[in-house]
Amino acid sequence: MLSNRGRFPQGKYCNTIPDGSSTGYDSPQHNSDDPATPEDALSRDDARLWKSAIQEEYEAQMRNRTWTLTDLPAGRKAIRCKWVYKTELDAEGRPACHKARLVIKGYPQRKGVDYEETYAPVVRHSSLQYLFATDARLKWMRLQPSSKENSLRRYIWNNRLTSKTLRTGPRSTC
């Protein structure tokens, strides 16, 4: 039997609450004036904060051994990447945090060459239970990277990072 009472969507799917007032509750607020390119980020008044966010992302990738800087192998093309910039706002609408993420543009991959290198990791619940039970039994410590640093470990060469931002060599790829 179906109920005919009114339902409200979950907070992350709407921006109104039952009393009708508009709010941004249950979802992060972002500044619409975020930079679109590294050049834009480094030419603004808050360039120091964006440079720090870029450096933090680079150090997190290196610390997690997600990739290493290397020379592009002969006959290989680098997959392009893009910096994505977001300003998180606090409850009063003031900038609270500047974040920079390096994302891969996966569309130029070729089937049979590097097409299978990207995947969505999915694990069965029973596998996680087994893993945690083994950790507990053997008294192992499980480390988890912060949510800011989660990324996949795959061998995909992407184009070199902007030398203005990270001071890499002319043929450097990662």
N, C-alpha and C. Protein backbone atom coordinates (compact mmCIF):
# COMPACT_ATOMS: atom_id res chain seq x y z
N MET A 1 0.85 -1.17 0.00
CA MET A 1 0.00 0.00 0.00
C MET A 1 0.90 1.24 0.00
N LEU A 2 0.64 2.14 -0.91
CA LEU A 2 1.43 3.36 -1.02
C LEU A 2 0.86 4.46 -0.15
N SER A 3 1.75 5.19 0.46
CA SER A 3 1.34 6.33 1.27
C SER A 3 1.08 7.52 0.35
N ASN A 4 0.10 8.34 0.68
CA ASN A 4 -0.16 9.52 -0.13
C ASN A 4 0.24 10.79 0.62
N ARG A 5 1.14 10.65 1.58
CA ARG A 5 1.64 11.84 2.26
C ARG A 5 2.69 12.51 1.39
N GLY A 6 2.90 13.78 1.57
CA GLY A 6 3.88 14.52 0.79
C GLY A 6 5.29 14.11 1.14
N ARG A 7 6.16 14.14 0.17
CA ARG A 7 7.57 13.80 0.40
C ARG A 7 8.43 14.96 -0.05
N PHE A 8 9.51 15.14 0.69
CA PHE A 8 10.47 16.17 0.34
C PHE A 8 11.75 15.49 -0.13
N PRO A 9 12.36 15.98 -1.21
CA PRO A 9 13.62 15.36 -1.64
C PRO A 9 14.70 15.56 -0.59
N GLN A 10 15.71 14.70 -0.66
CA GLN A 10 16.83 14.83 0.26
C GLN A 10 17.53 16.16 0.02
N GLY A 11 18.21 16.63 1.04
CA GLY A 11 18.85 17.94 0.98
C GLY A 11 19.82 18.11 -0.16
N LYS A 12 20.52 17.06 -0.54
CA LYS A 12 21.51 17.23 -1.60
C LYS A 12 20.87 17.37 -2.97
N TYR A 13 19.56 17.12 -3.08
CA TYR A 13 18.88 17.23 -4.37
C TYR A 13 18.02 18.48 -4.49
N CYS A 14 17.97 19.28 -3.48
CA CYS A 14 17.18 20.51 -3.56
C CYS A 14 17.85 21.59 -2.74
N ASN A 15 17.38 22.80 -2.90
CA ASN A 15 17.93 23.88 -2.09
C ASN A 15 16.83 24.62 -1.35
N THR A 16 15.73 23.93 -1.04
CA THR A 16 14.70 24.50 -0.19
C THR A 16 14.43 23.52 0.95
N ILE A 17 14.00 24.06 2.04
CA ILE A 17 13.63 23.21 3.17
C ILE A 17 12.12 23.24 3.31
N PRO A 18 11.51 22.32 4.06
CA PRO A 18 10.05 22.21 4.09
C PRO A 18 9.30 23.50 4.38
N ASP A 19 9.87 24.45 5.13
CA ASP A 19 9.13 25.69 5.40
C ASP A 19 9.17 26.66 4.22
N GLY A 20 9.85 26.28 3.13
CA GLY A 20 9.85 27.08 1.91
C GLY A 20 11.00 28.05 1.78
N SER A 21 11.78 28.26 2.82
CA SER A 21 12.89 29.19 2.70
C SER A 21 14.03 28.55 1.92
N SER A 22 14.75 29.36 1.18
CA SER A 22 15.83 28.85 0.34
C SER A 22 17.13 28.82 1.12
N THR A 23 17.89 27.77 0.93
CA THR A 23 19.16 27.63 1.64
C THR A 23 20.08 26.73 0.84
N GLY A 24 21.32 26.68 1.22
CA GLY A 24 22.26 25.78 0.59
C GLY A 24 22.64 24.65 1.53
N TYR A 25 21.72 24.27 2.40
CA TYR A 25 22.06 23.26 3.40
C TYR A 25 22.36 21.92 2.77
N ASP A 26 23.18 21.16 3.44
CA ASP A 26 23.51 19.79 3.05
C ASP A 26 24.27 19.70 1.73
N SER A 27 24.83 20.80 1.26
CA SER A 27 25.63 20.75 0.05
C SER A 27 26.71 21.82 0.16
N PRO A 28 27.92 21.53 -0.33
CA PRO A 28 28.98 22.53 -0.24
C PRO A 28 28.69 23.72 -1.14
N GLN A 29 29.06 24.88 -0.68
CA GLN A 29 28.87 26.08 -1.48
C GLN A 29 30.19 26.43 -2.15
N HIS A 30 30.12 26.77 -3.42
CA HIS A 30 31.32 27.12 -4.17
C HIS A 30 31.19 28.52 -4.73
N ASN A 31 32.30 29.17 -4.84
CA ASN A 31 32.35 30.50 -5.41
C ASN A 31 32.26 30.39 -6.92
N SER A 32 31.37 31.16 -7.54
CA SER A 32 31.22 31.08 -9.00
C SER A 32 32.34 31.81 -9.73
N ASP A 33 33.20 32.49 -9.00
CA ASP A 33 34.28 33.26 -9.61
C ASP A 33 35.60 32.48 -9.57
N ASP A 34 35.53 31.16 -9.58
CA ASP A 34 36.75 30.35 -9.55
C ASP A 34 37.49 30.45 -10.88
N PRO A 35 38.83 30.40 -10.84
CA PRO A 35 39.59 30.48 -12.09
C PRO A 35 39.38 29.25 -12.97
N ALA A 36 39.52 29.44 -14.28
CA ALA A 36 39.32 28.35 -15.23
C ALA A 36 40.63 27.75 -15.71
N THR A 37 41.72 28.51 -15.66
CA THR A 37 43.01 28.04 -16.17
C THR A 37 44.10 28.36 -15.15
N PRO A 38 45.26 27.69 -15.25
CA PRO A 38 46.37 28.04 -14.35
C PRO A 38 46.82 29.49 -14.51
N GLU A 39 46.80 29.98 -15.73
CA GLU A 39 47.19 31.38 -15.96
C GLU A 39 46.25 32.33 -15.23
N ASP A 40 44.94 32.02 -15.30
CA ASP A 40 43.95 32.83 -14.61
C ASP A 40 44.16 32.77 -13.09
N ALA A 41 44.43 31.58 -12.57
CA ALA A 41 44.63 31.41 -11.12
C ALA A 41 45.86 32.17 -10.64
N LEU A 42 46.92 32.19 -11.44
CA LEU A 42 48.17 32.81 -11.01
C LEU A 42 48.26 34.29 -11.33
N SER A 43 47.24 34.85 -11.98
CA SER A 43 47.26 36.28 -12.28
C SER A 43 46.24 37.05 -11.43
N ARG A 44 45.62 36.39 -10.49
CA ARG A 44 44.60 37.03 -9.66
C ARG A 44 45.22 37.61 -8.39
N ASP A 45 44.40 38.36 -7.65
CA ASP A 45 44.88 38.92 -6.39
C ASP A 45 45.18 37.84 -5.36
N ASP A 46 44.42 36.73 -5.43
CA ASP A 46 44.63 35.63 -4.49
C ASP A 46 45.52 34.53 -5.08
N ALA A 47 46.43 34.91 -5.95
CA ALA A 47 47.31 33.95 -6.63
C ALA A 47 48.13 33.13 -5.63
N ARG A 48 48.52 33.74 -4.53
CA ARG A 48 49.31 33.04 -3.51
C ARG A 48 48.53 31.83 -2.96
N LEU A 49 47.23 32.00 -2.74
CA LEU A 49 46.40 30.90 -2.23
C LEU A 49 46.23 29.80 -3.27
N TRP A 50 46.07 30.19 -4.54
CA TRP A 50 45.91 29.18 -5.60
C TRP A 50 47.22 28.44 -5.82
N LYS A 51 48.35 29.14 -5.77
CA LYS A 51 49.64 28.48 -5.93
C LYS A 51 49.86 27.48 -4.80
N SER A 52 49.46 27.85 -3.60
CA SER A 52 49.56 26.94 -2.46
C SER A 52 48.67 25.71 -2.66
N ALA A 53 47.46 25.89 -3.20
CA ALA A 53 46.55 24.77 -3.45
C ALA A 53 47.12 23.85 -4.53
N ILE A 54 47.72 24.42 -5.56
CA ILE A 54 48.34 23.62 -6.63
C ILE A 54 49.50 22.82 -6.06
N GLN A 55 50.33 23.46 -5.27
CA GLN A 55 51.49 22.77 -4.68
C GLN A 55 51.04 21.67 -3.73
N GLU A 56 49.97 21.91 -2.98
CA GLU A 56 49.43 20.90 -2.06
C GLU A 56 48.94 19.68 -2.83
N GLU A 57 48.26 19.89 -3.96
CA GLU A 57 47.79 18.77 -4.78
C GLU A 57 48.98 17.99 -5.35
N TYR A 58 49.98 18.69 -5.84
CA TYR A 58 51.17 18.04 -6.39
C TYR A 58 51.87 17.20 -5.32
N GLU A 59 52.05 17.77 -4.13
CA GLU A 59 52.72 17.05 -3.05
C GLU A 59 51.91 15.83 -2.61
N ALA A 60 50.59 15.95 -2.60
CA ALA A 60 49.74 14.80 -2.23
C ALA A 60 49.89 13.69 -3.26
N GLN A 61 49.95 14.03 -4.55
CA GLN A 61 50.12 13.02 -5.59
C GLN A 61 51.48 12.33 -5.45
N MET A 62 52.51 13.09 -5.17
CA MET A 62 53.84 12.51 -5.01
C MET A 62 53.93 11.67 -3.73
N ARG A 63 53.36 12.17 -2.64
CA ARG A 63 53.40 11.45 -1.36
C ARG A 63 52.66 10.11 -1.46
N ASN A 64 51.55 10.08 -2.20
CA ASN A 64 50.77 8.85 -2.36
C ASN A 64 51.30 7.96 -3.48
N ARG A 65 52.38 8.38 -4.12
CA ARG A 65 52.98 7.64 -5.24
C ARG A 65 51.93 7.31 -6.31
N THR A 66 51.05 8.27 -6.56
CA THR A 66 50.04 8.11 -7.60
C THR A 66 50.71 8.09 -8.97
N TRP A 67 51.71 8.93 -9.15
CA TRP A 67 52.50 8.95 -10.37
C TRP A 67 53.85 9.55 -10.06
N THR A 68 54.77 9.35 -10.99
CA THR A 68 56.09 9.95 -10.86
C THR A 68 56.40 10.72 -12.14
N LEU A 69 57.20 11.74 -12.01
CA LEU A 69 57.62 12.50 -13.19
C LEU A 69 58.66 11.68 -13.95
N THR A 70 58.49 11.57 -15.25
CA THR A 70 59.39 10.79 -16.08
C THR A 70 59.38 11.36 -17.49
N ASP A 71 60.30 10.90 -18.33
CA ASP A 71 60.29 11.32 -19.73
C ASP A 71 59.27 10.49 -20.50
N LEU A 72 58.62 11.11 -21.46
CA LEU A 72 57.61 10.43 -22.28
C LEU A 72 58.30 9.39 -23.16
N PRO A 73 57.87 8.12 -23.09
CA PRO A 73 58.48 7.08 -23.93
C PRO A 73 58.28 7.38 -25.42
N ALA A 74 59.22 6.93 -26.23
CA ALA A 74 59.15 7.16 -27.68
C ALA A 74 57.90 6.49 -28.24
N GLY A 75 57.22 7.19 -29.13
CA GLY A 75 56.04 6.65 -29.78
C GLY A 75 54.77 6.72 -28.96
N ARG A 76 54.82 7.30 -27.78
CA ARG A 76 53.62 7.41 -26.94
C ARG A 76 53.13 8.85 -26.92
N LYS A 77 51.83 9.02 -26.84
CA LYS A 77 51.24 10.34 -26.71
C LYS A 77 50.76 10.51 -25.28
N ALA A 78 50.91 11.69 -24.78
CA ALA A 78 50.45 11.97 -23.42
C ALA A 78 48.96 12.29 -23.44
N ILE A 79 48.25 11.82 -22.43
CA ILE A 79 46.84 12.17 -22.27
C ILE A 79 46.81 13.53 -21.58
N ARG A 80 45.99 14.40 -22.09
CA ARG A 80 45.94 15.76 -21.55
C ARG A 80 45.29 15.78 -20.17
N CYS A 81 45.66 16.77 -19.42
CA CYS A 81 45.06 16.94 -18.10
C CYS A 81 44.62 18.39 -17.94
N LYS A 82 43.86 18.63 -16.90
CA LYS A 82 43.32 19.97 -16.67
C LYS A 82 43.29 20.23 -15.17
N TRP A 83 43.60 21.44 -14.78
CA TRP A 83 43.47 21.85 -13.38
C TRP A 83 42.05 22.34 -13.17
N VAL A 84 41.42 21.88 -12.08
CA VAL A 84 40.09 22.33 -11.70
C VAL A 84 40.23 23.05 -10.37
N TYR A 85 39.69 24.26 -10.29
CA TYR A 85 39.84 25.10 -9.10
C TYR A 85 38.48 25.32 -8.46
N LYS A 86 38.42 25.21 -7.14
CA LYS A 86 37.19 25.44 -6.40
C LYS A 86 37.50 26.21 -5.12
N THR A 87 36.64 27.16 -4.81
CA THR A 87 36.72 27.88 -3.56
C THR A 87 35.56 27.42 -2.70
N GLU A 88 35.85 26.83 -1.56
CA GLU A 88 34.78 26.43 -0.65
C GLU A 88 34.49 27.61 0.27
N LEU A 89 33.20 27.85 0.49
CA LEU A 89 32.77 28.97 1.32
C LEU A 89 32.31 28.46 2.68
N ASP A 90 32.50 29.30 3.70
CA ASP A 90 32.02 28.93 5.03
C ASP A 90 30.54 29.28 5.14
N ALA A 91 29.96 29.12 6.33
CA ALA A 91 28.53 29.35 6.53
C ALA A 91 28.13 30.80 6.26
N GLU A 92 29.05 31.73 6.44
CA GLU A 92 28.75 33.15 6.19
C GLU A 92 29.00 33.55 4.74
N GLY A 93 29.48 32.64 3.92
CA GLY A 93 29.74 32.95 2.52
C GLY A 93 31.12 33.49 2.23
N ARG A 94 32.01 33.43 3.20
CA ARG A 94 33.39 33.88 3.00
C ARG A 94 34.24 32.72 2.52
N PRO A 95 35.28 32.97 1.72
CA PRO A 95 36.15 31.88 1.27
C PRO A 95 36.81 31.18 2.46
N ALA A 96 36.64 29.86 2.53
CA ALA A 96 37.21 29.09 3.63
C ALA A 96 38.41 28.27 3.18
N CYS A 97 38.39 27.82 1.92
CA CYS A 97 39.44 26.93 1.45
C CYS A 97 39.55 27.02 -0.06
N HIS A 98 40.78 27.04 -0.56
CA HIS A 98 41.02 27.01 -2.00
C HIS A 98 41.54 25.62 -2.34
N LYS A 99 40.91 24.95 -3.31
CA LYS A 99 41.33 23.61 -3.70
C LYS A 99 41.65 23.58 -5.18
N ALA A 100 42.71 22.86 -5.52
CA ALA A 100 43.09 22.65 -6.92
C ALA A 100 43.22 21.15 -7.13
N ARG A 101 42.62 20.64 -8.19
CA ARG A 101 42.70 19.21 -8.51
C ARG A 101 43.17 19.06 -9.94
N LEU A 102 44.05 18.09 -10.15
CA LEU A 102 44.52 17.78 -11.49
C LEU A 102 43.71 16.59 -11.99
N VAL A 103 42.96 16.79 -13.06
CA VAL A 103 42.11 15.72 -13.59
C VAL A 103 42.56 15.37 -15.00
N ILE A 104 42.42 14.10 -15.34
CA ILE A 104 42.81 13.59 -16.65
C ILE A 104 41.64 13.72 -17.61
N LYS A 105 41.93 14.15 -18.81
CA LYS A 105 40.93 14.13 -19.87
C LYS A 105 41.09 12.79 -20.58
N GLY A 106 40.23 11.84 -20.28
CA GLY A 106 40.40 10.47 -20.76
C GLY A 106 39.91 10.19 -22.15
N TYR A 107 39.27 11.15 -22.81
CA TYR A 107 38.67 10.86 -24.10
C TYR A 107 39.64 10.53 -25.23
N PRO A 108 40.93 10.90 -25.23
CA PRO A 108 41.77 10.52 -26.37
C PRO A 108 42.39 9.13 -26.26
N GLN A 109 41.98 8.33 -25.28
CA GLN A 109 42.56 7.00 -25.14
C GLN A 109 42.15 6.12 -26.32
N ARG A 110 43.01 5.15 -26.66
CA ARG A 110 42.74 4.24 -27.78
C ARG A 110 42.53 2.83 -27.29
N LYS A 111 41.53 2.18 -27.84
CA LYS A 111 41.22 0.81 -27.46
C LYS A 111 42.40 -0.09 -27.81
N GLY A 112 42.81 -0.94 -26.87
CA GLY A 112 43.92 -1.85 -27.08
C GLY A 112 45.27 -1.28 -26.71
N VAL A 113 45.37 0.02 -26.48
CA VAL A 113 46.65 0.64 -26.12
C VAL A 113 46.61 1.10 -24.67
N ASP A 114 45.79 2.09 -24.38
CA ASP A 114 45.68 2.59 -23.02
C ASP A 114 44.23 2.73 -22.57
N TYR A 115 43.32 2.13 -23.31
CA TYR A 115 41.89 2.26 -23.04
C TYR A 115 41.49 1.57 -21.74
N GLU A 116 42.12 0.47 -21.40
CA GLU A 116 41.74 -0.30 -20.22
C GLU A 116 42.39 0.25 -18.94
N GLU A 117 43.11 1.33 -19.03
CA GLU A 117 43.85 1.83 -17.87
C GLU A 117 42.99 2.58 -16.87
N THR A 118 41.77 2.96 -17.25
CA THR A 118 40.91 3.69 -16.35
C THR A 118 39.74 2.80 -15.96
N TYR A 119 39.41 2.78 -14.70
CA TYR A 119 38.30 1.94 -14.26
C TYR A 119 37.67 2.55 -13.02
N ALA A 120 36.51 2.06 -12.67
CA ALA A 120 35.84 2.49 -11.44
C ALA A 120 36.01 1.38 -10.41
N PRO A 121 36.75 1.63 -9.35
CA PRO A 121 36.98 0.57 -8.37
C PRO A 121 35.72 0.25 -7.57
N VAL A 122 35.33 -0.99 -7.56
CA VAL A 122 34.17 -1.45 -6.80
C VAL A 122 34.60 -2.70 -6.05
N VAL A 123 34.20 -2.80 -4.81
CA VAL A 123 34.58 -3.96 -4.01
C VAL A 123 33.32 -4.51 -3.32
N ARG A 124 33.27 -5.82 -3.20
CA ARG A 124 32.14 -6.44 -2.51
C ARG A 124 32.24 -6.16 -1.01
N HIS A 125 31.10 -6.07 -0.38
CA HIS A 125 31.06 -5.81 1.06
C HIS A 125 31.75 -6.94 1.83
N SER A 126 31.57 -8.16 1.38
CA SER A 126 32.19 -9.30 2.08
C SER A 126 33.71 -9.23 1.99
N SER A 127 34.24 -8.70 0.90
CA SER A 127 35.70 -8.55 0.78
C SER A 127 36.22 -7.55 1.80
N LEU A 128 35.49 -6.47 1.99
CA LEU A 128 35.89 -5.49 3.00
C LEU A 128 35.84 -6.09 4.40
N GLN A 129 34.79 -6.86 4.67
CA GLN A 129 34.69 -7.49 5.99
C GLN A 129 35.87 -8.42 6.23
N TYR A 130 36.24 -9.20 5.23
CA TYR A 130 37.38 -10.11 5.35
C TYR A 130 38.66 -9.33 5.59
N LEU A 131 38.84 -8.25 4.84
CA LEU A 131 40.04 -7.43 4.97
C LEU A 131 40.16 -6.85 6.38
N PHE A 132 39.08 -6.29 6.89
CA PHE A 132 39.12 -5.69 8.22
C PHE A 132 39.28 -6.74 9.32
N ALA A 133 38.66 -7.91 9.13
CA ALA A 133 38.82 -8.99 10.12
C ALA A 133 40.27 -9.46 10.17
N THR A 134 40.90 -9.59 9.00
CA THR A 134 42.30 -10.00 8.94
C THR A 134 43.19 -8.95 9.60
N ASP A 135 42.90 -7.68 9.33
CA ASP A 135 43.66 -6.60 9.97
C ASP A 135 43.57 -6.69 11.49
N ALA A 136 42.36 -6.90 11.98
CA ALA A 136 42.15 -6.96 13.43
C ALA A 136 42.85 -8.17 14.04
N ARG A 137 42.75 -9.32 13.35
CA ARG A 137 43.35 -10.54 13.89
C ARG A 137 44.87 -10.44 13.93
N LEU A 138 45.47 -9.87 12.91
CA LEU A 138 46.93 -9.77 12.84
C LEU A 138 47.46 -8.47 13.44
N LYS A 139 46.56 -7.65 13.96
CA LYS A 139 46.91 -6.36 14.58
C LYS A 139 47.66 -5.46 13.60
N TRP A 140 47.19 -5.46 12.37
CA TRP A 140 47.75 -4.56 11.37
C TRP A 140 47.09 -3.20 11.49
N MET A 141 47.82 -2.19 11.09
CA MET A 141 47.25 -0.86 11.07
C MET A 141 46.90 -0.51 9.63
N ARG A 142 45.69 -0.10 9.39
CA ARG A 142 45.25 0.26 8.04
C ARG A 142 45.30 1.78 7.93
N LEU A 143 46.02 2.26 6.93
CA LEU A 143 46.12 3.70 6.69
C LEU A 143 45.23 4.07 5.52
N GLN A 144 44.63 5.23 5.62
CA GLN A 144 43.76 5.71 4.55
C GLN A 144 44.17 7.13 4.21
N PRO A 145 44.38 7.43 2.93
CA PRO A 145 44.68 8.81 2.58
C PRO A 145 43.47 9.69 2.86
N SER A 146 43.72 10.95 3.10
CA SER A 146 42.59 11.85 3.34
C SER A 146 41.72 11.91 2.10
N SER A 147 40.49 12.33 2.28
CA SER A 147 39.56 12.37 1.15
C SER A 147 40.03 13.35 0.09
N LYS A 148 40.85 14.32 0.47
CA LYS A 148 41.38 15.26 -0.51
C LYS A 148 42.38 14.59 -1.44
N GLU A 149 42.99 13.50 -0.99
CA GLU A 149 44.08 12.90 -1.74
C GLU A 149 43.72 11.59 -2.42
N ASN A 150 42.47 11.16 -2.34
CA ASN A 150 42.10 9.89 -2.95
C ASN A 150 42.26 9.96 -4.46
N SER A 151 42.88 8.96 -5.02
CA SER A 151 43.05 8.91 -6.47
C SER A 151 43.43 7.49 -6.86
N LEU A 152 43.34 7.20 -8.16
CA LEU A 152 43.67 5.87 -8.67
C LEU A 152 45.15 5.78 -8.98
N ARG A 153 45.72 4.60 -8.84
CA ARG A 153 47.12 4.37 -9.20
C ARG A 153 47.14 3.61 -10.51
N ARG A 154 47.38 4.30 -11.61
CA ARG A 154 47.39 3.69 -12.93
C ARG A 154 48.56 4.25 -13.72
N TYR A 155 49.04 3.47 -14.68
CA TYR A 155 50.13 3.93 -15.54
C TYR A 155 49.53 4.56 -16.78
N ILE A 156 49.30 5.82 -16.72
CA ILE A 156 48.81 6.61 -17.84
C ILE A 156 49.72 7.82 -17.91
N TRP A 157 50.26 8.09 -19.06
CA TRP A 157 51.10 9.28 -19.18
C TRP A 157 50.21 10.45 -19.52
N ASN A 158 50.25 11.48 -18.69
CA ASN A 158 49.50 12.67 -19.04
C ASN A 158 50.49 13.77 -19.38
N ASN A 159 49.95 14.80 -20.02
CA ASN A 159 50.86 15.84 -20.50
C ASN A 159 51.56 16.52 -19.34
N ARG A 160 52.66 17.13 -19.66
CA ARG A 160 53.46 17.72 -18.60
C ARG A 160 52.69 18.82 -17.89
N LEU A 161 52.97 18.97 -16.64
CA LEU A 161 52.32 19.99 -15.84
C LEU A 161 52.89 21.35 -16.24
N THR A 162 52.12 22.36 -16.02
CA THR A 162 52.56 23.70 -16.39
C THR A 162 53.86 24.03 -15.69
N SER A 163 54.90 24.32 -16.47
CA SER A 163 56.21 24.58 -15.87
C SER A 163 56.17 25.83 -14.99
N LYS A 164 55.27 26.77 -15.29
CA LYS A 164 55.16 27.96 -14.45
C LYS A 164 54.69 27.61 -13.05
N THR A 165 53.88 26.56 -12.95
CA THR A 165 53.33 26.21 -11.64
C THR A 165 54.25 25.32 -10.84
N LEU A 166 54.91 24.35 -11.48
CA LEU A 166 55.66 23.35 -10.73
C LEU A 166 57.13 23.26 -11.08
N ARG A 167 57.59 24.02 -12.04
CA ARG A 167 59.00 24.02 -12.44
C ARG A 167 59.49 22.64 -12.85
N THR A 168 58.81 22.06 -13.82
CA THR A 168 59.22 20.75 -14.33
C THR A 168 60.01 20.93 -15.62
N GLY A 169 60.64 19.87 -16.08
CA GLY A 169 61.42 19.93 -17.30
C GLY A 169 60.54 19.98 -18.54
N PRO A 170 61.11 20.30 -19.70
CA PRO A 170 60.32 20.46 -20.92
C PRO A 170 59.69 19.17 -21.42
N ARG A 171 60.28 17.99 -21.17
CA ARG A 171 59.71 16.72 -21.65
C ARG A 171 59.10 15.91 -20.51
N SER A 172 58.94 16.53 -19.35
CA SER A 172 58.43 15.80 -18.19
C SER A 172 56.97 15.43 -18.38
N THR A 173 56.66 14.19 -18.05
CA THR A 173 55.28 13.73 -17.99
C THR A 173 55.10 13.04 -16.66
N CYS A 174 53.89 12.68 -16.37
CA CYS A 174 53.66 11.98 -15.11
C CYS A 174 52.67 10.86 -15.35
